[in-house]
PDB file of N, CA and C in Angstrom:
ATOM      1  N   MET A   1      17.658   3.122  10.084  1.00  0.00           N
ATOM      2  CA  MET A   1      16.397   2.777   9.563  1.00  0.00           C
ATOM      3  C   MET A   1      16.514   2.176   8.198  1.00  0.00           C
ATOM      4  N   THR A   2      15.601   1.277   7.847  1.00  0.00           N
ATOM      5  CA  THR A   2      15.628   0.581   6.644  1.00  0.00           C
ATOM      6  C   THR A   2      14.314   0.967   5.867  1.00  0.00           C
ATOM      7  N   THR A   3      14.373   1.017   4.541  1.00  0.00           N
ATOM      8  CA  THR A   3      13.241   1.327   3.752  1.00  0.00           C
ATOM      9  C   THR A   3      12.707  -0.002   3.243  1.00  0.00           C
ATOM     10  N   TYR A   4      11.423  -0.266   3.542  1.00  0.00           N
ATOM     11  CA  TYR A   4      10.725  -1.529   3.187  1.00  0.00           C
ATOM     12  C   TYR A   4       9.676  -1.214   2.142  1.00  0.00           C
ATOM     13  N   VAL A   5       9.445  -2.091   1.212  1.00  0.00           N
ATOM     14  CA  VAL A   5       8.286  -2.028   0.375  1.00  0.00           C
ATOM     15  C   VAL A   5       7.284  -3.124   0.902  1.00  0.00           C
ATOM     16  N   ILE A   6       6.140  -2.690   1.323  1.00  0.00           N
ATOM     17  CA  ILE A   6       5.192  -3.627   1.885  1.00  0.00           C
ATOM     18  C   ILE A   6       3.998  -3.691   1.042  1.00  0.00           C
ATOM     19  N   THR A   7       3.445  -4.886   0.882  1.00  0.00           N
ATOM     20  CA  THR A   7       2.262  -5.039   0.129  1.00  0.00           C
ATOM     21  C   THR A   7       1.097  -5.430   1.081  1.00  0.00           C
ATOM     22  N   VAL A   8      -0.019  -4.654   1.023  1.00  0.00           N
ATOM     23  CA  VAL A   8      -1.174  -4.940   1.823  1.00  0.00           C
ATOM     24  C   VAL A   8      -2.314  -5.258   0.854  1.00  0.00           C
ATOM     25  N   PRO A   9      -2.755  -6.591   0.881  1.00  0.00           N
ATOM     26  CA  PRO A   9      -3.881  -6.886   0.018  1.00  0.00           C
ATOM     27  C   PRO A   9      -5.284  -6.584   0.609  1.00  0.00           C
ATOM     28  N   GLY A  10      -6.214  -6.513  -0.239  1.00  0.00           N
ATOM     29  CA  GLY A  10      -7.556  -6.269   0.230  1.00  0.00           C
ATOM     30  C   GLY A  10      -8.625  -6.514  -0.782  1.00  0.00           C
ATOM     31  N   THR A  11      -9.923  -6.257  -0.415  1.00  0.00           N
ATOM     32  CA  THR A  11     -10.980  -6.523  -1.363  1.00  0.00           C
ATOM     33  C   THR A  11     -11.935  -5.319  -1.210  1.00  0.00           C
ATOM     34  N   PHE A  12     -12.396  -4.802  -2.251  1.00  0.00           N
ATOM     35  CA  PHE A  12     -13.481  -3.874  -2.244  1.00  0.00           C
ATOM     36  C   PHE A  12     -14.781  -4.663  -2.387  1.00  0.00           C
ATOM     37  N   THR A  13     -15.439  -4.941  -1.183  1.00  0.00           N
ATOM     38  CA  THR A  13     -16.521  -5.887  -1.234  1.00  0.00           C
ATOM     39  C   THR A  13     -17.778  -5.294  -1.871  1.00  0.00           C
ATOM     40  N   ALA A  14     -17.911  -3.948  -1.887  1.00  0.00           N
ATOM     41  CA  ALA A  14     -19.048  -3.343  -2.547  1.00  0.00           C
ATOM     42  C   ALA A  14     -18.622  -2.738  -3.876  1.00  0.00           C
ATOM     43  N   GLY A  15     -17.498  -3.111  -4.393  1.00  0.00           N
ATOM     44  CA  GLY A  15     -17.016  -2.406  -5.597  1.00  0.00           C
ATOM     45  C   GLY A  15     -16.510  -1.049  -5.301  1.00  0.00           C
ATOM     46  N   VAL A  16     -15.906  -0.348  -6.279  1.00  0.00           N
ATOM     47  CA  VAL A  16     -15.370   0.918  -6.012  1.00  0.00           C
ATOM     48  C   VAL A  16     -15.303   1.599  -7.405  1.00  0.00           C
ATOM     49  N   ASP A  17     -15.697   2.882  -7.416  1.00  0.00           N
ATOM     50  CA  ASP A  17     -15.706   3.690  -8.665  1.00  0.00           C
ATOM     51  C   ASP A  17     -14.317   4.309  -8.915  1.00  0.00           C
ATOM     52  N   ASP A  18     -14.149   4.837 -10.134  1.00  0.00           N
ATOM     53  CA  ASP A  18     -12.885   5.485 -10.520  1.00  0.00           C
ATOM     54  C   ASP A  18     -12.562   6.652  -9.649  1.00  0.00           C
ATOM     55  N   ALA A  19     -13.524   7.449  -9.189  1.00  0.00           N
ATOM     56  CA  ALA A  19     -13.227   8.616  -8.355  1.00  0.00           C
ATOM     57  C   ALA A  19     -12.681   8.113  -6.957  1.00  0.00           C
ATOM     58  N   ALA A  20     -13.217   7.089  -6.489  1.00  0.00           N
ATOM     59  CA  ALA A  20     -12.737   6.513  -5.127  1.00  0.00           C
ATOM     60  C   ALA A  20     -11.271   6.045  -5.335  1.00  0.00           C
ATOM     61  N   ARG A  21     -11.035   5.359  -6.389  1.00  0.00           N
ATOM     62  CA  ARG A  21      -9.690   4.800  -6.691  1.00  0.00           C
ATOM     63  C   ARG A  21      -8.720   5.972  -6.782  1.00  0.00           C
ATOM     64  N   GLN A  22      -9.116   7.120  -7.455  1.00  0.00           N
ATOM     65  CA  GLN A  22      -8.244   8.278  -7.598  1.00  0.00           C
ATOM     66  C   GLN A  22      -7.977   8.911  -6.260  1.00  0.00           C
ATOM     67  N   ARG A  23      -9.036   9.020  -5.395  1.00  0.00           N
ATOM     68  CA  ARG A  23      -8.800   9.559  -4.091  1.00  0.00           C
ATOM     69  C   ARG A  23      -7.903   8.713  -3.214  1.00  0.00           C
ATOM     70  N   LEU A  24      -8.119   7.391  -3.293  1.00  0.00           N
ATOM     71  CA  LEU A  24      -7.109   6.471  -2.577  1.00  0.00           C
ATOM     72  C   LEU A  24      -5.700   6.563  -3.108  1.00  0.00           C
ATOM     73  N   GLY A  25      -5.562   6.684  -4.362  1.00  0.00           N
ATOM     74  CA  GLY A  25      -4.185   6.857  -4.968  1.00  0.00           C
ATOM     75  C   GLY A  25      -3.550   8.109  -4.436  1.00  0.00           C
ATOM     76  N   ARG A  26      -4.330   9.247  -4.347  1.00  0.00           N
ATOM     77  CA  ARG A  26      -3.783  10.475  -3.900  1.00  0.00           C
ATOM     78  C   ARG A  26      -3.379  10.335  -2.416  1.00  0.00           C
ATOM     79  N   ALA A  27      -4.285   9.755  -1.611  1.00  0.00           N
ATOM     80  CA  ALA A  27      -4.002   9.530  -0.232  1.00  0.00           C
ATOM     81  C   ALA A  27      -2.717   8.723   0.018  1.00  0.00           C
ATOM     82  N   LEU A  28      -2.431   7.791  -0.875  1.00  0.00           N
ATOM     83  CA  LEU A  28      -1.300   6.934  -0.710  1.00  0.00           C
ATOM     84  C   LEU A  28       0.048   7.498  -1.296  1.00  0.00           C
ATOM     85  N   ARG A  29      -0.104   8.575  -2.054  1.00  0.00           N
ATOM     86  CA  ARG A  29       0.974   9.114  -2.821  1.00  0.00           C
ATOM     87  C   ARG A  29       2.276   9.278  -2.016  1.00  0.00           C
ATOM     88  N   PRO A  30       2.263   9.729  -0.759  1.00  0.00           N
ATOM     89  CA  PRO A  30       3.512   9.821   0.022  1.00  0.00           C
ATOM     90  C   PRO A  30       4.259   8.531   0.208  1.00  0.00           C
ATOM     91  N   ALA A  31       3.542   7.412   0.110  1.00  0.00           N
ATOM     92  CA  ALA A  31       4.112   6.172   0.382  1.00  0.00           C
ATOM     93  C   ALA A  31       4.365   5.373  -0.882  1.00  0.00           C
ATOM     94  N   ASP A  32       4.325   6.023  -2.058  1.00  0.00           N
ATOM     95  CA  ASP A  32       4.507   5.437  -3.403  1.00  0.00           C
ATOM     96  C   ASP A  32       5.837   4.769  -3.494  1.00  0.00           C
ATOM     97  N   PRO A  33       5.865   3.456  -3.879  1.00  0.00           N
ATOM     98  CA  PRO A  33       7.217   2.811  -3.966  1.00  0.00           C
ATOM     99  C   PRO A  33       7.994   3.250  -5.112  1.00  0.00           C
ATOM    100  N   HIS A  34       7.510   4.026  -6.079  1.00  0.00           N
ATOM    101  CA  HIS A  34       8.320   4.502  -7.173  1.00  0.00           C
ATOM    102  C   HIS A  34       9.427   5.408  -6.630  1.00  0.00           C
ATOM    103  N   GLY A  35       9.391   5.903  -5.389  1.00  0.00           N
ATOM    104  CA  GLY A  35      10.420   6.680  -4.809  1.00  0.00           C
ATOM    105  C   GLY A  35      11.654   5.925  -4.424  1.00  0.00           C
ATOM    106  N   THR A  36      11.553   4.564  -4.536  1.00  0.00           N
ATOM    107  CA  THR A  36      12.722   3.739  -4.179  1.00  0.00           C
ATOM    108  C   THR A  36      13.346   3.119  -5.345  1.00  0.00           C
ATOM    109  N   LYS A  37      14.531   2.636  -5.235  1.00  0.00           N
ATOM    110  CA  LYS A  37      15.171   2.020  -6.447  1.00  0.00           C
ATOM    111  C   LYS A  37      14.341   0.657  -6.768  1.00  0.00           C
ATOM    112  N   LEU A  38      13.973  -0.024  -5.744  1.00  0.00           N
ATOM    113  CA  LEU A  38      13.215  -1.252  -5.970  1.00  0.00           C
ATOM    114  C   LEU A  38      11.899  -0.997  -6.663  1.00  0.00           C
ATOM    115  N   GLY A  39      11.176  -0.070  -6.154  1.00  0.00           N
ATOM    116  CA  GLY A  39       9.866   0.255  -6.750  1.00  0.00           C
ATOM    117  C   GLY A  39       9.929   0.815  -8.111  1.00  0.00           C
ATOM    118  N   SER A  40      10.942   1.541  -8.447  1.00  0.00           N
ATOM    119  CA  SER A  40      11.182   2.141  -9.754  1.00  0.00           C
ATOM    120  C   SER A  40      11.541   0.971 -10.724  1.00  0.00           C
ATOM    121  N   ALA A  41      12.523   0.145 -10.306  1.00  0.00           N
ATOM    122  CA  ALA A  41      13.025  -0.873 -11.182  1.00  0.00           C
ATOM    123  C   ALA A  41      11.946  -1.948 -11.416  1.00  0.00           C
ATOM    124  N   GLU A  42      11.116  -2.212 -10.432  1.00  0.00           N
ATOM    125  CA  GLU A  42      10.007  -3.198 -10.648  1.00  0.00           C
ATOM    126  C   GLU A  42       8.682  -2.578 -11.136  1.00  0.00           C
ATOM    127  N   ASP A  43       8.708  -1.272 -11.322  1.00  0.00           N
ATOM    128  CA  ASP A  43       7.489  -0.500 -11.748  1.00  0.00           C
ATOM    129  C   ASP A  43       6.294  -0.895 -10.862  1.00  0.00           C
ATOM    130  N   LEU A  44       6.491  -0.744  -9.560  1.00  0.00           N
ATOM    131  CA  LEU A  44       5.384  -1.086  -8.620  1.00  0.00           C
ATOM    132  C   LEU A  44       4.461   0.088  -8.396  1.00  0.00           C
ATOM    133  N   ASP A  45       3.183  -0.091  -8.705  1.00  0.00           N
ATOM    134  CA  ASP A  45       2.162   0.873  -8.536  1.00  0.00           C
ATOM    135  C   ASP A  45       1.684   0.815  -7.114  1.00  0.00           C
ATOM    136  N   VAL A  46       1.429   2.003  -6.538  1.00  0.00           N
ATOM    137  CA  VAL A  46       0.884   2.076  -5.181  1.00  0.00           C
ATOM    138  C   VAL A  46      -0.476   1.296  -5.028  1.00  0.00           C
ATOM    139  N   LEU A  47      -1.220   1.352  -6.059  1.00  0.00           N
ATOM    140  CA  LEU A  47      -2.614   0.682  -5.956  1.00  0.00           C
ATOM    141  C   LEU A  47      -2.744  -0.087  -7.298  1.00  0.00           C
ATOM    142  N   ALA A  48      -2.992  -1.415  -7.060  1.00  0.00           N
ATOM    143  CA  ALA A  48      -3.329  -2.271  -8.288  1.00  0.00           C
ATOM    144  C   ALA A  48      -4.593  -2.954  -7.974  1.00  0.00           C
ATOM    145  N   VAL A  49      -5.625  -2.736  -8.852  1.00  0.00           N
ATOM    146  CA  VAL A  49      -6.950  -3.343  -8.647  1.00  0.00           C
ATOM    147  C   VAL A  49      -7.198  -4.383  -9.694  1.00  0.00           C
ATOM    148  N   ASN A  50      -7.656  -5.522  -9.318  1.00  0.00           N
ATOM    149  CA  ASN A  50      -7.961  -6.625 -10.190  1.00  0.00           C
ATOM    150  C   ASN A  50      -9.465  -6.615 -10.634  1.00  0.00           C
ATOM    151  N   ASP A  51      -9.776  -7.346 -11.669  1.00  0.00           N
ATOM    152  CA  ASP A  51     -11.133  -7.387 -12.183  1.00  0.00           C
ATOM    153  C   ASP A  51     -12.171  -7.848 -11.141  1.00  0.00           C
ATOM    154  N   ASP A  52     -11.715  -8.673 -10.180  1.00  0.00           N
ATOM    155  CA  ASP A  52     -12.600  -9.198  -9.176  1.00  0.00           C
ATOM    156  C   ASP A  52     -12.714  -8.284  -7.915  1.00  0.00           C
ATOM    157  N   ASN A  53     -12.256  -7.070  -8.028  1.00  0.00           N
ATOM    158  CA  ASN A  53     -12.266  -6.091  -6.959  1.00  0.00           C
ATOM    159  C   ASN A  53     -11.256  -6.426  -5.799  1.00  0.00           C
ATOM    160  N   THR A  54     -10.389  -7.376  -5.971  1.00  0.00           N
ATOM    161  CA  THR A  54      -9.304  -7.524  -4.979  1.00  0.00           C
ATOM    162  C   THR A  54      -8.264  -6.506  -5.397  1.00  0.00           C
ATOM    163  N   PHE A  55      -7.390  -6.148  -4.489  1.00  0.00           N
ATOM    164  CA  PHE A  55      -6.390  -5.153  -4.762  1.00  0.00           C
ATOM    165  C   PHE A  55      -5.131  -5.289  -3.914  1.00  0.00           C
ATOM    166  N   ALA A  56      -4.088  -4.615  -4.338  1.00  0.00           N
ATOM    167  CA  ALA A  56      -2.872  -4.668  -3.604  1.00  0.00           C
ATOM    168  C   ALA A  56      -2.369  -3.191  -3.447  1.00  0.00           C
ATOM    169  N   LEU A  57      -2.104  -2.847  -2.207  1.00  0.00           N
ATOM    170  CA  LEU A  57      -1.441  -1.598  -1.876  1.00  0.00           C
ATOM    171  C   LEU A  57       0.030  -1.838  -1.717  1.00  0.00           C
ATOM    172  N   ARG A  58       0.955  -1.171  -2.422  1.00  0.00           N
ATOM    173  CA  ARG A  58       2.313  -1.337  -2.334  1.00  0.00           C
ATOM    174  C   ARG A  58       2.878  -0.037  -1.754  1.00  0.00           C
ATOM    175  N   LEU A  59       3.303  -0.141  -0.563  1.00  0.00           N
ATOM    176  CA  LEU A  59       3.704   1.087   0.221  1.00  0.00           C
ATOM    177  C   LEU A  59       5.168   1.068   0.592  1.00  0.00           C
ATOM    178  N   THR A  60       5.813   2.211   0.613  1.00  0.00           N
ATOM    179  CA  THR A  60       7.148   2.401   1.093  1.00  0.00           C
ATOM    180  C   THR A  60       7.040   2.893   2.544  1.00  0.00           C
ATOM    181  N   VAL A  61       7.816   2.172   3.418  1.00  0.00           N
ATOM    182  CA  VAL A  61       7.776   2.506   4.862  1.00  0.00           C
ATOM    183  C   VAL A  61       9.252   2.459   5.320  1.00  0.00           C
ATOM    184  N   GLU A  62       9.572   3.497   6.113  1.00  0.00           N
ATOM    185  CA  GLU A  62      10.834   3.441   6.817  1.00  0.00           C
ATOM    186  C   GLU A  62      10.718   2.945   8.251  1.00  0.00           C
ATOM    187  N   ALA A  63      11.418   1.944   8.713  1.00  0.00           N
ATOM    188  CA  ALA A  63      11.245   1.421  10.007  1.00  0.00           C
ATOM    189  C   ALA A  63      12.553   0.793  10.493  1.00  0.00           C
ATOM    190  N   ASP A  64      12.618   0.511  11.815  1.00  0.00           N
ATOM    191  CA  ASP A  64      13.780  -0.124  12.391  1.00  0.00           C
ATOM    192  C   ASP A  64      13.717  -1.655  12.195  1.00  0.00           C
ATOM    193  N   THR A  65      12.445  -2.177  12.247  1.00  0.00           N
ATOM    194  CA  THR A  65      12.356  -3.598  12.116  1.00  0.00           C
ATOM    195  C   THR A  65      11.239  -3.954  11.131  1.00  0.00           C
ATOM    196  N   SER A  66      11.225  -5.193  10.675  1.00  0.00           N
ATOM    197  CA  SER A  66      10.212  -5.645   9.755  1.00  0.00           C
ATOM    198  C   SER A  66       8.842  -5.610  10.396  1.00  0.00           C
ATOM    199  N   ALA A  67       8.757  -5.993  11.657  1.00  0.00           N
ATOM    200  CA  ALA A  67       7.430  -5.908  12.358  1.00  0.00           C
ATOM    201  C   ALA A  67       6.902  -4.482  12.401  1.00  0.00           C
ATOM    202  N   ASP A  68       7.809  -3.510  12.730  1.00  0.00           N
ATOM    203  CA  ASP A  68       7.415  -2.131  12.739  1.00  0.00           C
ATOM    204  C   ASP A  68       6.899  -1.640  11.347  1.00  0.00           C
ATOM    205  N   ALA A  69       7.653  -2.155  10.253  1.00  0.00           N
ATOM    206  CA  ALA A  69       7.228  -1.758   8.897  1.00  0.00           C
ATOM    207  C   ALA A  69       5.869  -2.260   8.583  1.00  0.00           C
ATOM    208  N   GLU A  70       5.649  -3.515   8.919  1.00  0.00           N
ATOM    209  CA  GLU A  70       4.317  -4.090   8.554  1.00  0.00           C
ATOM    210  C   GLU A  70       3.216  -3.336   9.330  1.00  0.00           C
ATOM    211  N   GLN A  71       3.412  -3.044  10.590  1.00  0.00           N
ATOM    212  CA  GLN A  71       2.469  -2.301  11.360  1.00  0.00           C
ATOM    213  C   GLN A  71       2.242  -0.894  10.828  1.00  0.00           C
ATOM    214  N   GLU A  72       3.307  -0.190  10.456  1.00  0.00           N
ATOM    215  CA  GLU A  72       3.206   1.192   9.849  1.00  0.00           C
ATOM    216  C   GLU A  72       2.364   1.059   8.495  1.00  0.00           C
ATOM    217  N   ALA A  73       2.662  -0.007   7.688  1.00  0.00           N
ATOM    218  CA  ALA A  73       1.972  -0.093   6.429  1.00  0.00           C
ATOM    219  C   ALA A  73       0.469  -0.209   6.704  1.00  0.00           C
ATOM    220  N   ARG A  74       0.076  -1.026   7.660  1.00  0.00           N
ATOM    221  CA  ARG A  74      -1.302  -1.230   7.896  1.00  0.00           C
ATOM    222  C   ARG A  74      -1.925   0.110   8.378  1.00  0.00           C
ATOM    223  N   ARG A  75      -1.261   0.810   9.148  1.00  0.00           N
ATOM    224  CA  ARG A  75      -1.679   2.121   9.683  1.00  0.00           C
ATOM    225  C   ARG A  75      -1.897   3.079   8.457  1.00  0.00           C
ATOM    226  N   LEU A  76      -0.936   3.106   7.573  1.00  0.00           N
ATOM    227  CA  LEU A  76      -1.039   3.967   6.395  1.00  0.00           C
ATOM    228  C   LEU A  76      -2.212   3.594   5.498  1.00  0.00           C
ATOM    229  N   ALA A  77      -2.370   2.280   5.280  1.00  0.00           N
ATOM    230  CA  ALA A  77      -3.515   1.788   4.472  1.00  0.00           C
ATOM    231  C   ALA A  77      -4.824   2.140   5.083  1.00  0.00           C
ATOM    232  N   ASP A  78      -4.983   1.917   6.389  1.00  0.00           N
ATOM    233  CA  ASP A  78      -6.226   2.263   7.045  1.00  0.00           C
ATOM    234  C   ASP A  78      -6.550   3.801   6.955  1.00  0.00           C
ATOM    235  N   THR A  79      -5.525   4.583   7.177  1.00  0.00           N
ATOM    236  CA  THR A  79      -5.714   6.012   7.091  1.00  0.00           C
ATOM    237  C   THR A  79      -6.083   6.451   5.721  1.00  0.00           C
ATOM    238  N   ALA A  80      -5.416   5.913   4.703  1.00  0.00           N
ATOM    239  CA  ALA A  80      -5.682   6.288   3.348  1.00  0.00           C
ATOM    240  C   ALA A  80      -7.107   5.904   2.915  1.00  0.00           C
ATOM    241  N   LEU A  81      -7.474   4.733   3.285  1.00  0.00           N
ATOM    242  CA  LEU A  81      -8.872   4.291   2.957  1.00  0.00           C
ATOM    243  C   LEU A  81      -9.912   5.263   3.571  1.00  0.00           C
ATOM    244  N   ARG A  82      -9.728   5.615   4.814  1.00  0.00           N
ATOM    245  CA  ARG A  82     -10.644   6.551   5.437  1.00  0.00           C
ATOM    246  C   ARG A  82     -10.583   7.911   4.774  1.00  0.00           C
ATOM    247  N   ASP A  83      -9.382   8.428   4.467  1.00  0.00           N
ATOM    248  CA  ASP A  83      -9.215   9.668   3.794  1.00  0.00           C
ATOM    249  C   ASP A  83      -9.847   9.660   2.392  1.00  0.00           C
ATOM    250  N   ALA A  84      -9.959   8.526   1.776  1.00  0.00           N
ATOM    251  CA  ALA A  84     -10.600   8.385   0.430  1.00  0.00           C
ATOM    252  C   ALA A  84     -12.073   8.284   0.574  1.00  0.00           C
ATOM    253  N   GLY A  85     -12.544   8.253   1.802  1.00  0.00           N
ATOM    254  CA  GLY A  85     -13.977   8.071   2.042  1.00  0.00           C
ATOM    255  C   GLY A  85     -14.527   6.646   1.892  1.00  0.00           C
ATOM    256  N   LEU A  86     -13.724   5.720   1.999  1.00  0.00           N
ATOM    257  CA  LEU A  86     -14.114   4.349   1.968  1.00  0.00           C
ATOM    258  C   LEU A  86     -14.263   3.760   3.390  1.00  0.00           C
ATOM    259  N   ASP A  87     -15.379   3.039   3.487  1.00  0.00           N
ATOM    260  CA  ASP A  87     -15.711   2.422   4.785  1.00  0.00           C
ATOM    261  C   ASP A  87     -14.828   1.236   5.043  1.00  0.00           C
ATOM    262  N   ALA A  88     -14.113   1.181   6.167  1.00  0.00           N
ATOM    263  CA  ALA A  88     -13.239   0.136   6.580  1.00  0.00           C
ATOM    264  C   ALA A  88     -13.987  -1.234   6.568  1.00  0.00           C
ATOM    265  N   ASP A  89     -15.228  -1.268   6.931  1.00  0.00           N
ATOM    266  CA  ASP A  89     -15.946  -2.466   6.971  1.00  0.00           C
ATOM    267  C   ASP A  89     -16.225  -3.092   5.489  1.00  0.00           C
ATOM    268  N   GLY A  90     -16.240  -2.210   4.554  1.00  0.00           N
ATOM    269  CA  GLY A  90     -16.451  -2.597   3.177  1.00  0.00           C
ATOM    270  C   GLY A  90     -15.101  -2.851   2.423  1.00  0.00           C
ATOM    271  N   VAL A  91     -14.076  -2.654   3.085  1.00  0.00           N
ATOM    272  CA  VAL A  91     -12.727  -2.842   2.399  1.00  0.00           C
ATOM    273  C   VAL A  91     -11.814  -3.639   3.416  1.00  0.00           C
ATOM    274  N   PRO A  92     -12.101  -4.938   3.516  1.00  0.00           N
ATOM    275  CA  PRO A  92     -11.211  -5.681   4.399  1.00  0.00           C
ATOM    276  C   PRO A  92      -9.841  -5.810   3.879  1.00  0.00           C
ATOM    277  N   LEU A  93      -8.858  -5.736   4.732  1.00  0.00           N
ATOM    278  CA  LEU A  93      -7.456  -5.860   4.348  1.00  0.00           C
ATOM    279  C   LEU A  93      -6.922  -7.230   4.920  1.00  0.00           C
ATOM    280  N   GLY A  94      -5.985  -7.744   4.074  1.00  0.00           N
ATOM    281  CA  GLY A  94      -5.280  -8.953   4.491  1.00  0.00           C
ATOM    282  C   GLY A  94      -4.015  -8.572   5.211  1.00  0.00           C
ATOM    283  N   PRO A  95      -3.188  -9.544   5.571  1.00  0.00           N
ATOM    284  CA  PRO A  95      -1.949  -9.258   6.298  1.00  0.00           C
ATOM    285  C   PRO A  95      -0.905  -8.498   5.464  1.00  0.00           C
ATOM    286  N   ALA A  96      -0.271  -7.543   6.057  1.00  0.00           N
ATOM    287  CA  ALA A  96       0.843  -6.819   5.365  1.00  0.00           C
ATOM    288  C   ALA A  96       2.049  -7.731   5.227  1.00  0.00           C
ATOM    289  N   VAL A  97       2.650  -7.705   4.058  1.00  0.00           N
ATOM    290  CA  VAL A  97       3.794  -8.604   3.801  1.00  0.00           C
ATOM    291  C   VAL A  97       4.956  -7.821   3.181  1.00  0.00           C
ATOM    292  N   ILE A  98       6.091  -8.035   3.617  1.00  0.00           N
ATOM    293  CA  ILE A  98       7.331  -7.384   3.105  1.00  0.00           C
ATOM    294  C   ILE A  98       7.525  -7.992   1.685  1.00  0.00           C
ATOM    295  N   THR A  99       7.620  -7.096   0.676  1.00  0.00           N
ATOM    296  CA  THR A  99       7.816  -7.606  -0.640  1.00  0.00           C
ATOM    297  C   THR A  99       9.188  -7.145  -1.144  1.00  0.00           C
ATOM    298  N   GLY A 100       9.889  -6.238  -0.406  1.00  0.00           N
ATOM    299  CA  GLY A 100      11.186  -5.772  -0.766  1.00  0.00           C
ATOM    300  C   GLY A 100      11.809  -4.928   0.284  1.00  0.00           C
ATOM    301  N   ILE A 101      13.082  -4.851   0.252  1.00  0.00           N
ATOM    302  CA  ILE A 101      13.857  -4.034   1.155  1.00  0.00           C
ATOM    303  C   ILE A 101      14.825  -3.206   0.302  1.00  0.00           C
ATOM    304  N   ASP A 102      14.696  -1.917   0.361  1.00  0.00           N
ATOM    305  CA  ASP A 102      15.545  -0.962  -0.403  1.00  0.00           C
ATOM    306  C   ASP A 102      16.729  -0.594   0.442  1.00  0.00           C
ATOM    307  N   SER A 103      17.847  -1.058   0.069  1.00  0.00           N
ATOM    308  CA  SER A 103      19.003  -0.870   0.908  1.00  0.00           C
ATOM    309  C   SER A 103      20.243  -0.504   0.063  1.00  0.00           C
ATOM    310  N   GLU A 104      21.204   0.330   0.613  1.00  0.00           N
ATOM    311  CA  GLU A 104      22.368   0.734  -0.099  1.00  0.00           C
ATOM    312  C   GLU A 104      23.342  -0.435  -0.032  1.00  0.00           C
ATOM    313  N   ILE A 105      23.107  -1.498   0.797  1.00  0.00           N
ATOM    314  CA  ILE A 105      24.057  -2.611   0.901  1.00  0.00           C
ATOM    315  C   ILE A 105      23.924  -3.476  -0.356  1.00  0.00           C
ATOM    316  N   ALA A 106      25.063  -3.771  -1.040  1.00  0.00           N
ATOM    317  CA  ALA A 106      24.997  -4.573  -2.221  1.00  0.00           C
ATOM    318  C   ALA A 106      25.375  -6.019  -1.956  1.00  0.00           C
TER     319      ALA A 106
END
């Protein structure tokens, strides 16, 4: 298995308050990229929200293939949004993209 750092972009179409952001951050904590060398070195936050309510979720996923990693990241993102009490219709997500691979191979 390989550890991937996956970015899932999205938009809070109705805006989001600080409490919802905190709930989402807690729901994503197990997938926080700071647990990897890459995430720590790059100081990747699990949730980054821009002034225009677009955001990026940066998730750590272990998978056998890149396609499996992207699919798992989408599943984690969808679950975390629901767990944070955010309506999936009000928070559309873009395609998951591999932004790093954390490997022992140098």
